Amino acid sequence: MLGGQSNGPNSVRADKGIECLVSAGEGIREVQGRSSRAMRDVKHQDLIAERKKSAAYRQEIEELRAKVANLASINEVLLDENRVLKTKLSDRKVVDLDSRKPNG
């Protein structure tokens, strides 16, 4: 029955015709080596594989963001040290003491 309606014997024939077409289509796909179930299973396995890849990429992104944050922190410290050193170099009152041990 199409659409849940019954139109007598013609509707029964139409339903059987549709079932026959579906079965024929499935038979053709099976002969070609791609039944609906096999195709569905392959797509499901592909989906699972893609989800695993996606999870791995999300993990990698999280790790890389942590590294970027760490490097940004180090960079800020180095920039601050550079500002201090440049200020000392430009000030005539600051004298650099040689901290190396004398030879001998």
N, C-alpha and C. Protein backbone atom coordinates (compact mmCIF):
# COMPACT_ATOMS: atom_id res chain seq x y z
N MET A 1 0.84 -1.18 0.00
CA MET A 1 0.00 0.00 0.00
C MET A 1 0.88 1.24 0.00
N LEU A 2 0.64 2.10 -0.90
CA LEU A 2 1.35 3.36 -0.96
C LEU A 2 0.64 4.39 -0.12
N GLY A 3 1.39 5.06 0.76
CA GLY A 3 0.82 6.13 1.56
C GLY A 3 -0.21 5.65 2.54
N GLY A 4 -0.30 4.36 2.83
CA GLY A 4 -1.24 3.85 3.81
C GLY A 4 -2.66 3.76 3.31
N GLN A 5 -2.87 3.97 2.01
CA GLN A 5 -4.22 3.91 1.46
C GLN A 5 -4.39 2.61 0.70
N SER A 6 -5.59 2.08 0.73
CA SER A 6 -5.88 0.86 0.00
C SER A 6 -6.90 1.19 -1.08
N ASN A 7 -6.55 0.91 -2.30
CA ASN A 7 -7.44 1.16 -3.42
C ASN A 7 -7.86 -0.15 -4.07
N GLY A 8 -7.94 -1.16 -3.28
CA GLY A 8 -8.40 -2.44 -3.81
C GLY A 8 -7.28 -3.25 -4.40
N PRO A 9 -7.63 -4.14 -5.37
CA PRO A 9 -6.64 -5.06 -5.93
C PRO A 9 -5.53 -4.36 -6.69
N ASN A 10 -5.80 -3.20 -7.26
CA ASN A 10 -4.74 -2.48 -7.99
C ASN A 10 -3.63 -2.02 -7.05
N SER A 11 -4.02 -1.61 -5.84
CA SER A 11 -3.01 -1.14 -4.89
C SER A 11 -2.14 -2.30 -4.44
N VAL A 12 -2.72 -3.50 -4.29
CA VAL A 12 -1.94 -4.66 -3.89
C VAL A 12 -0.94 -4.99 -4.99
N ARG A 13 -1.37 -4.91 -6.24
CA ARG A 13 -0.45 -5.16 -7.35
C ARG A 13 0.67 -4.12 -7.38
N ALA A 14 0.34 -2.86 -7.11
CA ALA A 14 1.35 -1.79 -7.10
C ALA A 14 2.37 -2.06 -6.00
N ASP A 15 1.89 -2.46 -4.81
CA ASP A 15 2.80 -2.76 -3.71
C ASP A 15 3.72 -3.91 -4.07
N LYS A 16 3.18 -4.95 -4.65
CA LYS A 16 4.00 -6.09 -5.04
C LYS A 16 5.00 -5.68 -6.12
N GLY A 17 4.58 -4.79 -7.02
CA GLY A 17 5.47 -4.30 -8.07
C GLY A 17 6.64 -3.53 -7.48
N ILE A 18 6.35 -2.70 -6.48
CA ILE A 18 7.41 -1.92 -5.82
C ILE A 18 8.36 -2.86 -5.10
N GLU A 19 7.79 -3.84 -4.39
CA GLU A 19 8.63 -4.82 -3.69
C GLU A 19 9.51 -5.57 -4.68
N CYS A 20 8.96 -5.90 -5.82
CA CYS A 20 9.70 -6.61 -6.85
C CYS A 20 10.85 -5.75 -7.37
N LEU A 21 10.59 -4.45 -7.58
CA LEU A 21 11.63 -3.54 -8.05
C LEU A 21 12.74 -3.39 -7.02
N VAL A 22 12.34 -3.27 -5.75
CA VAL A 22 13.33 -3.14 -4.68
C VAL A 22 14.19 -4.40 -4.62
N SER A 23 13.52 -5.57 -4.71
CA SER A 23 14.25 -6.84 -4.67
C SER A 23 15.16 -6.95 -5.89
N ALA A 24 14.68 -6.54 -7.04
CA ALA A 24 15.49 -6.60 -8.25
C ALA A 24 16.70 -5.68 -8.13
N GLY A 25 16.47 -4.49 -7.61
CA GLY A 25 17.57 -3.55 -7.42
C GLY A 25 18.61 -4.10 -6.46
N GLU A 26 18.15 -4.70 -5.39
CA GLU A 26 19.06 -5.30 -4.41
C GLU A 26 19.82 -6.46 -5.05
N GLY A 27 19.12 -7.24 -5.85
CA GLY A 27 19.78 -8.35 -6.55
C GLY A 27 20.86 -7.86 -7.49
N ILE A 28 20.59 -6.80 -8.21
CA ILE A 28 21.59 -6.22 -9.13
C ILE A 28 22.80 -5.73 -8.35
N ARG A 29 22.54 -5.03 -7.24
CA ARG A 29 23.65 -4.52 -6.42
C ARG A 29 24.48 -5.68 -5.87
N GLU A 30 23.83 -6.76 -5.45
CA GLU A 30 24.57 -7.90 -4.93
C GLU A 30 25.44 -8.52 -6.01
N VAL A 31 24.89 -8.64 -7.23
CA VAL A 31 25.66 -9.19 -8.34
C VAL A 31 26.88 -8.32 -8.61
N GLN A 32 26.71 -7.01 -8.50
CA GLN A 32 27.81 -6.08 -8.74
C GLN A 32 28.75 -6.00 -7.53
N GLY A 33 28.40 -6.71 -6.49
CA GLY A 33 29.27 -6.73 -5.30
C GLY A 33 29.08 -5.56 -4.38
N ARG A 34 27.95 -4.94 -4.40
CA ARG A 34 27.71 -3.80 -3.51
C ARG A 34 26.28 -3.80 -3.01
N SER A 35 25.99 -4.76 -2.16
CA SER A 35 24.65 -4.82 -1.59
C SER A 35 24.43 -3.65 -0.65
N SER A 36 23.20 -3.35 -0.38
CA SER A 36 22.88 -2.22 0.50
C SER A 36 23.54 -2.39 1.86
N ARG A 37 23.48 -3.59 2.39
CA ARG A 37 24.06 -3.83 3.71
C ARG A 37 25.58 -3.66 3.66
N ALA A 38 26.20 -4.20 2.63
CA ALA A 38 27.66 -4.08 2.52
C ALA A 38 28.06 -2.61 2.35
N MET A 39 27.31 -1.89 1.52
CA MET A 39 27.62 -0.47 1.33
C MET A 39 27.43 0.29 2.63
N ARG A 40 26.37 -0.03 3.36
CA ARG A 40 26.11 0.63 4.64
C ARG A 40 27.24 0.33 5.62
N ASP A 41 27.67 -0.94 5.67
CA ASP A 41 28.74 -1.32 6.59
C ASP A 41 30.05 -0.61 6.25
N VAL A 42 30.34 -0.51 4.97
CA VAL A 42 31.56 0.18 4.55
C VAL A 42 31.49 1.66 4.95
N LYS A 43 30.36 2.28 4.71
CA LYS A 43 30.20 3.69 5.07
C LYS A 43 30.29 3.88 6.58
N HIS A 44 29.74 2.93 7.32
CA HIS A 44 29.80 3.02 8.78
C HIS A 44 31.25 2.90 9.26
N GLN A 45 32.00 1.97 8.66
CA GLN A 45 33.41 1.84 9.03
C GLN A 45 34.20 3.10 8.65
N ASP A 46 33.88 3.66 7.49
CA ASP A 46 34.52 4.91 7.10
C ASP A 46 34.21 6.02 8.09
N LEU A 47 32.96 6.08 8.54
CA LEU A 47 32.56 7.09 9.51
C LEU A 47 33.31 6.92 10.82
N ILE A 48 33.43 5.69 11.28
CA ILE A 48 34.17 5.42 12.52
C ILE A 48 35.63 5.85 12.37
N ALA A 49 36.24 5.53 11.23
CA ALA A 49 37.63 5.91 10.98
C ALA A 49 37.78 7.43 10.98
N GLU A 50 36.85 8.13 10.33
CA GLU A 50 36.92 9.59 10.28
C GLU A 50 36.72 10.20 11.67
N ARG A 51 35.87 9.60 12.46
CA ARG A 51 35.68 10.11 13.83
C ARG A 51 36.94 9.93 14.66
N LYS A 52 37.64 8.81 14.47
CA LYS A 52 38.90 8.60 15.19
C LYS A 52 39.94 9.62 14.75
N LYS A 53 40.01 9.87 13.43
CA LYS A 53 40.96 10.87 12.93
C LYS A 53 40.62 12.24 13.50
N SER A 54 39.34 12.55 13.53
CA SER A 54 38.90 13.84 14.04
C SER A 54 39.28 14.00 15.51
N ALA A 55 39.08 12.94 16.29
CA ALA A 55 39.45 12.99 17.71
C ALA A 55 40.96 13.19 17.86
N ALA A 56 41.74 12.51 17.03
CA ALA A 56 43.20 12.65 17.09
C ALA A 56 43.60 14.08 16.71
N TYR A 57 42.96 14.65 15.69
CA TYR A 57 43.26 16.03 15.31
C TYR A 57 42.89 17.00 16.42
N ARG A 58 41.75 16.78 17.08
CA ARG A 58 41.37 17.66 18.19
C ARG A 58 42.40 17.59 19.31
N GLN A 59 42.90 16.39 19.59
CA GLN A 59 43.92 16.22 20.63
C GLN A 59 45.21 16.95 20.23
N GLU A 60 45.60 16.80 18.97
CA GLU A 60 46.80 17.48 18.48
C GLU A 60 46.64 18.99 18.57
N ILE A 61 45.47 19.50 18.22
CA ILE A 61 45.21 20.94 18.30
C ILE A 61 45.33 21.41 19.74
N GLU A 62 44.79 20.64 20.67
CA GLU A 62 44.88 21.01 22.09
C GLU A 62 46.34 21.07 22.53
N GLU A 63 47.14 20.07 22.13
CA GLU A 63 48.55 20.06 22.50
C GLU A 63 49.29 21.24 21.87
N LEU A 64 49.00 21.53 20.62
CA LEU A 64 49.66 22.65 19.95
C LEU A 64 49.27 23.99 20.57
N ARG A 65 48.02 24.12 20.99
CA ARG A 65 47.61 25.36 21.65
C ARG A 65 48.36 25.55 22.96
N ALA A 66 48.57 24.44 23.69
CA ALA A 66 49.33 24.52 24.94
C ALA A 66 50.77 24.95 24.65
N LYS A 67 51.36 24.40 23.58
CA LYS A 67 52.72 24.79 23.22
C LYS A 67 52.79 26.26 22.82
N VAL A 68 51.80 26.72 22.07
CA VAL A 68 51.77 28.13 21.66
C VAL A 68 51.67 29.03 22.89
N ALA A 69 50.83 28.64 23.83
CA ALA A 69 50.69 29.45 25.05
C ALA A 69 52.01 29.50 25.81
N ASN A 70 52.70 28.38 25.89
CA ASN A 70 53.99 28.33 26.58
C ASN A 70 55.02 29.20 25.86
N LEU A 71 55.06 29.09 24.54
CA LEU A 71 56.01 29.90 23.77
C LEU A 71 55.68 31.39 23.86
N ALA A 72 54.40 31.72 23.91
CA ALA A 72 54.01 33.12 24.05
C ALA A 72 54.48 33.67 25.39
N SER A 73 54.39 32.85 26.43
CA SER A 73 54.84 33.26 27.75
C SER A 73 56.36 33.50 27.75
N ILE A 74 57.09 32.56 27.17
CA ILE A 74 58.55 32.71 27.09
C ILE A 74 58.90 33.96 26.28
N ASN A 75 58.19 34.16 25.20
CA ASN A 75 58.43 35.33 24.34
C ASN A 75 58.23 36.63 25.12
N GLU A 76 57.19 36.70 25.94
CA GLU A 76 56.94 37.90 26.73
C GLU A 76 58.07 38.16 27.71
N VAL A 77 58.58 37.11 28.32
CA VAL A 77 59.70 37.25 29.27
C VAL A 77 60.93 37.79 28.53
N LEU A 78 61.20 37.21 27.36
CA LEU A 78 62.36 37.66 26.58
C LEU A 78 62.20 39.10 26.10
N LEU A 79 61.00 39.48 25.69
CA LEU A 79 60.76 40.86 25.27
C LEU A 79 60.99 41.83 26.43
N ASP A 80 60.54 41.43 27.62
CA ASP A 80 60.74 42.28 28.80
C ASP A 80 62.22 42.41 29.11
N GLU A 81 62.97 41.30 29.04
CA GLU A 81 64.42 41.35 29.28
C GLU A 81 65.10 42.24 28.25
N ASN A 82 64.67 42.17 27.01
CA ASN A 82 65.25 43.03 25.97
C ASN A 82 65.00 44.50 26.27
N ARG A 83 63.80 44.83 26.73
CA ARG A 83 63.49 46.23 27.07
C ARG A 83 64.40 46.71 28.20
N VAL A 84 64.60 45.86 29.21
CA VAL A 84 65.47 46.24 30.33
C VAL A 84 66.90 46.45 29.84
N LEU A 85 67.39 45.54 29.03
CA LEU A 85 68.77 45.66 28.54
C LEU A 85 68.94 46.88 27.64
N LYS A 86 67.98 47.17 26.79
CA LYS A 86 68.07 48.35 25.92
C LYS A 86 68.06 49.62 26.75
N THR A 87 67.26 49.60 27.81
CA THR A 87 67.23 50.78 28.69
C THR A 87 68.58 50.97 29.36
N LYS A 88 69.18 49.87 29.81
CA LYS A 88 70.50 49.97 30.46
C LYS A 88 71.55 50.46 29.48
N LEU A 89 71.49 50.01 28.24
CA LEU A 89 72.47 50.43 27.24
C LEU A 89 72.35 51.92 26.91
N SER A 90 71.13 52.42 26.91
CA SER A 90 70.94 53.83 26.55
C SER A 90 71.22 54.78 27.71
N ASP A 91 71.32 54.26 28.92
CA ASP A 91 71.59 55.11 30.09
C ASP A 91 73.09 55.20 30.32
N ARG A 92 73.64 56.43 30.29
CA ARG A 92 75.08 56.62 30.45
C ARG A 92 75.54 56.33 31.88
N LYS A 93 74.64 56.35 32.81
CA LYS A 93 75.01 56.14 34.20
C LYS A 93 75.23 54.66 34.53
N VAL A 94 74.76 53.77 33.66
CA VAL A 94 74.89 52.33 33.90
C VAL A 94 76.20 51.86 33.29
N VAL A 95 77.01 51.19 34.12
CA VAL A 95 78.30 50.67 33.67
C VAL A 95 78.23 49.16 33.71
N ASP A 96 78.66 48.52 32.61
CA ASP A 96 78.66 47.06 32.54
C ASP A 96 79.90 46.53 33.21
N LEU A 97 79.72 45.67 34.21
CA LEU A 97 80.85 45.06 34.88
C LEU A 97 81.13 43.73 34.23
N ASP A 98 82.40 43.48 33.97
CA ASP A 98 82.76 42.21 33.36
C ASP A 98 82.72 41.14 34.43
N SER A 99 81.87 40.15 34.26
CA SER A 99 81.70 39.13 35.30
C SER A 99 82.58 37.90 35.05
N ARG A 100 83.41 37.94 34.02
CA ARG A 100 84.28 36.80 33.73
C ARG A 100 85.43 36.76 34.72
N LYS A 101 85.88 35.53 35.03
CA LYS A 101 87.02 35.37 35.93
C LYS A 101 88.31 35.71 35.15
N PRO A 102 89.23 36.33 35.84
CA PRO A 102 90.50 36.63 35.16
C PRO A 102 91.25 35.35 34.80
N ASN A 103 91.98 35.42 33.69
CA ASN A 103 92.76 34.26 33.26
C ASN A 103 93.96 34.08 34.15
N GLY A 104 94.21 32.84 34.57
CA GLY A 104 95.43 32.53 35.27
C GLY A 104 95.22 32.36 36.67
